[in-house]
């Protein structure tokens, strides 16, 4: 997919995990990018505003450019990189619920590393209120 080394990209986290991360930040304009749960190969730009998470699907064109899925009749904008897309939507009045202001980056204490050993017994982890179970 390209550009997935961005700290704001969280990979295959589910919607509930995404909402939890954004709610913890608790600031309007907080955002992150995650993989879409419904469309293989697509991503979602998730933006927090007034205790609601707005989700915008990011699609990649056959030329490798990124765009946000828009409603019928709205002009599509294409970006060479996810970073370009993010920079564009940090500006006011670009069509999102609110402009992007605070990135929620991965590799925080509550995020497990990608190479997590499956031998951990998650039931005994006291620092977490829940366990996210992702499909194999």
Protein backbone atom coordinates (compact mmCIF):
# COMPACT_ATOMS: atom_id res chain seq x y z
CA UNK A 1 0.00 0.00 0.00
CA UNK A 2 2.95 2.36 0.53
CA UNK A 3 3.60 5.09 3.11
CA UNK A 4 2.62 2.77 5.94
CA UNK A 5 5.62 3.74 8.04
CA UNK A 6 3.77 6.86 9.18
CA UNK A 7 3.40 6.88 12.98
CA UNK A 8 -0.29 7.82 12.60
CA UNK A 9 -0.95 4.54 10.71
CA UNK A 10 -2.16 1.84 13.13
CA UNK A 11 -2.67 -1.09 10.74
CA UNK A 12 -5.45 -3.62 11.34
CA UNK A 13 -6.98 -2.24 14.54
CA UNK A 14 -10.75 -2.55 14.74
CA UNK A 15 -13.28 0.29 14.98
CA UNK A 16 -13.71 -0.08 18.76
CA UNK A 17 -9.95 0.10 19.38
CA UNK A 18 -9.73 3.14 17.11
CA UNK A 19 -12.53 4.93 18.97
CA UNK A 20 -10.89 4.10 22.29
CA UNK A 21 -7.55 5.56 21.20
CA UNK A 22 -9.16 8.74 19.86
CA UNK A 23 -11.38 9.14 22.94
CA UNK A 24 -8.34 8.88 25.21
CA UNK A 25 -6.78 11.80 23.34
CA UNK A 26 -10.13 13.57 23.73
CA UNK A 27 -9.35 16.58 21.55
CA UNK A 28 -11.38 17.69 18.54
CA UNK A 29 -9.26 17.15 15.46
CA UNK A 30 -7.46 14.07 16.82
CA UNK A 31 -6.94 11.56 14.03
CA UNK A 32 -5.39 8.26 13.01
CA UNK A 33 -5.33 5.96 10.00
CA UNK A 34 -6.24 2.27 10.20
CA UNK A 35 -6.97 -0.55 7.79
CA UNK A 36 -10.57 -0.83 6.61
CA UNK A 37 -12.40 -3.77 8.17
CA UNK A 38 -14.78 -4.10 5.21
CA UNK A 39 -12.74 -3.35 2.08
CA UNK A 40 -9.48 -5.27 1.64
CA UNK A 41 -6.63 -2.94 0.74
CA UNK A 42 -8.48 0.24 1.76
CA UNK A 43 -7.74 2.34 4.82
CA UNK A 44 -9.79 4.64 7.02
CA UNK A 45 -8.99 8.14 8.19
CA UNK A 46 -10.68 8.45 11.59
CA UNK A 47 -11.25 11.91 13.07
CA UNK A 48 -12.55 12.78 16.55
CA UNK A 49 -14.98 15.69 17.06
CA UNK A 50 -17.24 16.29 20.06
CA UNK A 51 -17.08 12.68 21.30
CA UNK A 52 -17.92 11.27 17.85
CA UNK A 53 -15.46 9.50 15.54
CA UNK A 54 -15.94 10.28 11.86
CA UNK A 55 -14.53 7.69 9.47
CA UNK A 56 -13.47 8.48 5.92
CA UNK A 57 -12.37 5.70 3.59
CA UNK A 58 -9.00 6.17 1.90
CA UNK A 59 -8.76 4.47 -1.48
CA UNK A 60 -5.69 4.02 -3.62
CA UNK A 61 -5.96 4.50 -7.39
CA UNK A 62 -4.39 2.17 -9.93
CA UNK A 63 -1.61 4.77 -10.26
CA UNK A 64 -0.84 4.52 -6.53
CA UNK A 65 -2.33 7.85 -5.53
CA UNK A 66 -4.55 8.24 -2.46
CA UNK A 67 -8.02 9.79 -2.29
CA UNK A 68 -10.83 10.02 0.24
CA UNK A 69 -14.02 8.35 -0.89
CA UNK A 70 -16.47 11.15 -1.57
CA UNK A 71 -20.21 11.35 -1.99
CA UNK A 72 -21.64 11.43 -5.51
CA UNK A 73 -20.95 14.70 -7.26
CA UNK A 74 -18.14 15.80 -4.94
CA UNK A 75 -14.78 16.46 -6.53
CA UNK A 76 -12.15 13.79 -5.84
CA UNK A 77 -8.70 14.97 -4.84
CA UNK A 78 -5.69 12.73 -5.37
CA UNK A 79 -2.46 12.76 -3.36
CA UNK A 80 0.89 11.11 -4.09
CA UNK A 81 1.42 10.13 -0.44
CA UNK A 82 -0.61 9.73 2.73
CA UNK A 83 1.48 12.55 4.19
CA UNK A 84 0.27 14.86 1.37
CA UNK A 85 -3.33 13.81 2.08
CA UNK A 86 -2.90 14.54 5.81
CA UNK A 87 -1.30 17.94 5.11
CA UNK A 88 -4.23 18.89 2.86
CA UNK A 89 -6.86 17.99 5.46
CA UNK A 90 -5.02 19.91 8.20
CA UNK A 91 -6.32 23.05 6.50
CA UNK A 92 -9.74 24.46 7.35
CA UNK A 93 -12.86 23.85 5.25
CA UNK A 94 -11.67 20.86 3.25
CA UNK A 95 -14.85 18.82 3.70
CA UNK A 96 -14.14 16.83 6.88
CA UNK A 97 -16.13 17.10 10.11
CA UNK A 98 -13.16 19.05 11.47
CA UNK A 99 -9.64 19.66 10.24
CA UNK A 100 -6.86 17.27 11.27
CA UNK A 101 -5.03 18.71 14.25
CA UNK A 102 -3.61 16.06 16.63
CA UNK A 103 -2.11 12.85 15.31
CA UNK A 104 -2.59 9.77 17.48
CA UNK A 105 0.56 7.79 16.84
CA UNK A 106 1.13 4.07 17.29
CA UNK A 107 3.92 2.59 19.40
CA UNK A 108 2.48 4.09 22.55
CA UNK A 109 2.38 2.04 25.75
CA UNK A 110 -1.02 0.60 24.96
CA UNK A 111 -0.01 -0.65 21.48
CA UNK A 112 1.50 -4.10 21.17
CA UNK A 113 4.56 -4.46 18.93
CA UNK A 114 4.02 -6.11 15.53
CA UNK A 115 6.14 -9.14 16.43
CA UNK A 116 4.29 -9.98 19.64
CA UNK A 117 4.94 -13.53 20.78
CA UNK A 118 1.70 -15.50 21.02
CA UNK A 119 2.91 -17.17 24.22
CA UNK A 120 1.73 -14.22 26.35
CA UNK A 121 -1.20 -14.90 28.62
CA UNK A 122 -3.35 -11.82 28.04
CA UNK A 123 -5.92 -12.79 30.65
CA UNK A 124 -3.42 -11.90 33.37
CA UNK A 125 -2.48 -8.46 32.03
CA UNK A 126 -3.61 -6.05 34.74
CA UNK A 127 -2.83 -2.78 32.92
CA UNK A 128 -5.51 -3.31 30.28
CA UNK A 129 -9.28 -3.15 30.68
CA UNK A 130 -9.88 -5.28 27.60
CA UNK A 131 -8.23 -7.54 25.07
CA UNK A 132 -8.52 -6.89 21.35
CA UNK A 133 -8.92 -10.12 19.46
CA UNK A 134 -8.12 -9.90 15.76
CA UNK A 135 -8.79 -12.65 13.22
CA UNK A 136 -5.80 -14.79 12.27
